[in-house]
Amino acid sequence: MRAYGGHWDTERALRTLRDAGHDPQDKRTRQILRDLASEDVLVKVEDWPVRYAAVRAD
């Protein structure tokens, strides 16, 4: 996600995971985004619709 940068929402995460050969459900994808935010890979920038931004690794 850091390599791609930008903003992430459920739709973008779903497309990326599917392109990588996974078949996640919306609910699981939202959980993945929350988990990545808790690990400081993403930061929540908008509550509705929920959007995250990739945290740069400096």
C-alpha atoms as a PDB file:
ATOM      1  CA  MET A   1       0.000   0.000   0.000  1.00  0.00           C
ATOM      2  CA  ARG A   2       2.848   2.333   0.750  1.00  0.00           C
ATOM      3  CA  ALA A   3       4.281   1.708  -2.717  1.00  0.00           C
ATOM      4  CA  TYR A   4       0.955   2.616  -4.355  1.00  0.00           C
ATOM      5  CA  GLY A   5       0.334   5.543  -1.998  1.00  0.00           C
ATOM      6  CA  GLY A   6      -2.717   7.752  -2.210  1.00  0.00           C
ATOM      7  CA  HIS A   7      -6.093   7.261  -0.610  1.00  0.00           C
ATOM      8  CA  TRP A   8      -7.665   3.899   0.097  1.00  0.00           C
ATOM      9  CA  ASP A   9     -11.311   2.965   0.464  1.00  0.00           C
ATOM     10  CA  THR A  10     -13.098  -0.373   0.379  1.00  0.00           C
ATOM     11  CA  GLU A  11     -13.473  -0.351  -3.416  1.00  0.00           C
ATOM     12  CA  ARG A  12      -9.801   0.325  -4.094  1.00  0.00           C
ATOM     13  CA  ALA A  13      -8.732  -2.298  -1.572  1.00  0.00           C
ATOM     14  CA  LEU A  14     -11.134  -4.840  -3.112  1.00  0.00           C
ATOM     15  CA  ARG A  15      -9.775  -4.201  -6.625  1.00  0.00           C
ATOM     16  CA  THR A  16      -6.187  -4.482  -5.420  1.00  0.00           C
ATOM     17  CA  LEU A  17      -6.815  -7.714  -3.522  1.00  0.00           C
ATOM     18  CA  ARG A  18      -8.703  -9.228  -6.473  1.00  0.00           C
ATOM     19  CA  ASP A  19      -5.916  -8.229  -8.855  1.00  0.00           C
ATOM     20  CA  ALA A  20      -3.543 -10.096  -6.532  1.00  0.00           C
ATOM     21  CA  GLY A  21      -5.665 -13.254  -6.818  1.00  0.00           C
ATOM     22  CA  HIS A  22      -7.733 -12.985  -3.626  1.00  0.00           C
ATOM     23  CA  ASP A  23     -11.522 -12.994  -3.377  1.00  0.00           C
ATOM     24  CA  PRO A  24     -12.348 -11.032  -0.208  1.00  0.00           C
ATOM     25  CA  GLN A  25     -15.786  -9.922   0.926  1.00  0.00           C
ATOM     26  CA  ASP A  26     -16.559  -6.247   1.642  1.00  0.00           C
ATOM     27  CA  LYS A  27     -16.727  -6.847   5.398  1.00  0.00           C
ATOM     28  CA  ARG A  28     -13.345  -8.612   5.477  1.00  0.00           C
ATOM     29  CA  THR A  29     -11.785  -5.881   3.332  1.00  0.00           C
ATOM     30  CA  ARG A  30     -12.979  -3.177   5.732  1.00  0.00           C
ATOM     31  CA  GLN A  31     -11.461  -5.158   8.605  1.00  0.00           C
ATOM     32  CA  ILE A  32      -8.152  -5.388   6.735  1.00  0.00           C
ATOM     33  CA  LEU A  33      -8.148  -1.594   6.307  1.00  0.00           C
ATOM     34  CA  ARG A  34      -8.868  -1.097  10.026  1.00  0.00           C
ATOM     35  CA  ASP A  35      -6.101  -3.557  10.935  1.00  0.00           C
ATOM     36  CA  LEU A  36      -3.608  -1.729   8.720  1.00  0.00           C
ATOM     37  CA  ALA A  37      -4.615   1.565  10.331  1.00  0.00           C
ATOM     38  CA  SER A  38      -3.996   0.079  13.786  1.00  0.00           C
ATOM     39  CA  GLU A  39      -0.502  -0.934  12.608  1.00  0.00           C
ATOM     40  CA  ASP A  40       0.205   2.605  11.309  1.00  0.00           C
ATOM     41  CA  VAL A  41       0.344   1.548   7.652  1.00  0.00           C
ATOM     42  CA  LEU A  42      -2.747   3.658   6.948  1.00  0.00           C
ATOM     43  CA  VAL A  43      -4.276   6.673   8.645  1.00  0.00           C
ATOM     44  CA  LYS A  44      -7.999   7.428   8.567  1.00  0.00           C
ATOM     45  CA  VAL A  45      -8.619  10.765   6.825  1.00  0.00           C
ATOM     46  CA  GLU A  46     -12.387  10.711   6.341  1.00  0.00           C
ATOM     47  CA  ASP A  47     -15.228   9.094   8.292  1.00  0.00           C
ATOM     48  CA  TRP A  48     -17.988   9.015   5.678  1.00  0.00           C
ATOM     49  CA  PRO A  49     -17.278   7.559   3.295  1.00  0.00           C
ATOM     50  CA  VAL A  50     -14.390   5.992   5.129  1.00  0.00           C
ATOM     51  CA  ARG A  51     -11.069   6.732   3.452  1.00  0.00           C
ATOM     52  CA  TYR A  52      -7.527   6.115   4.541  1.00  0.00           C
ATOM     53  CA  ALA A  53      -4.212   7.512   3.371  1.00  0.00           C
ATOM     54  CA  ALA A  54      -1.055   5.467   3.105  1.00  0.00           C
ATOM     55  CA  VAL A  55       1.559   6.459   5.682  1.00  0.00           C
ATOM     56  CA  ARG A  56       4.931   7.122   4.140  1.00  0.00           C
ATOM     57  CA  ALA A  57       7.829   5.073   5.432  1.00  0.00           C
ATOM     58  CA  ASP A  58      10.686   7.502   5.897  1.00  0.00           C
END
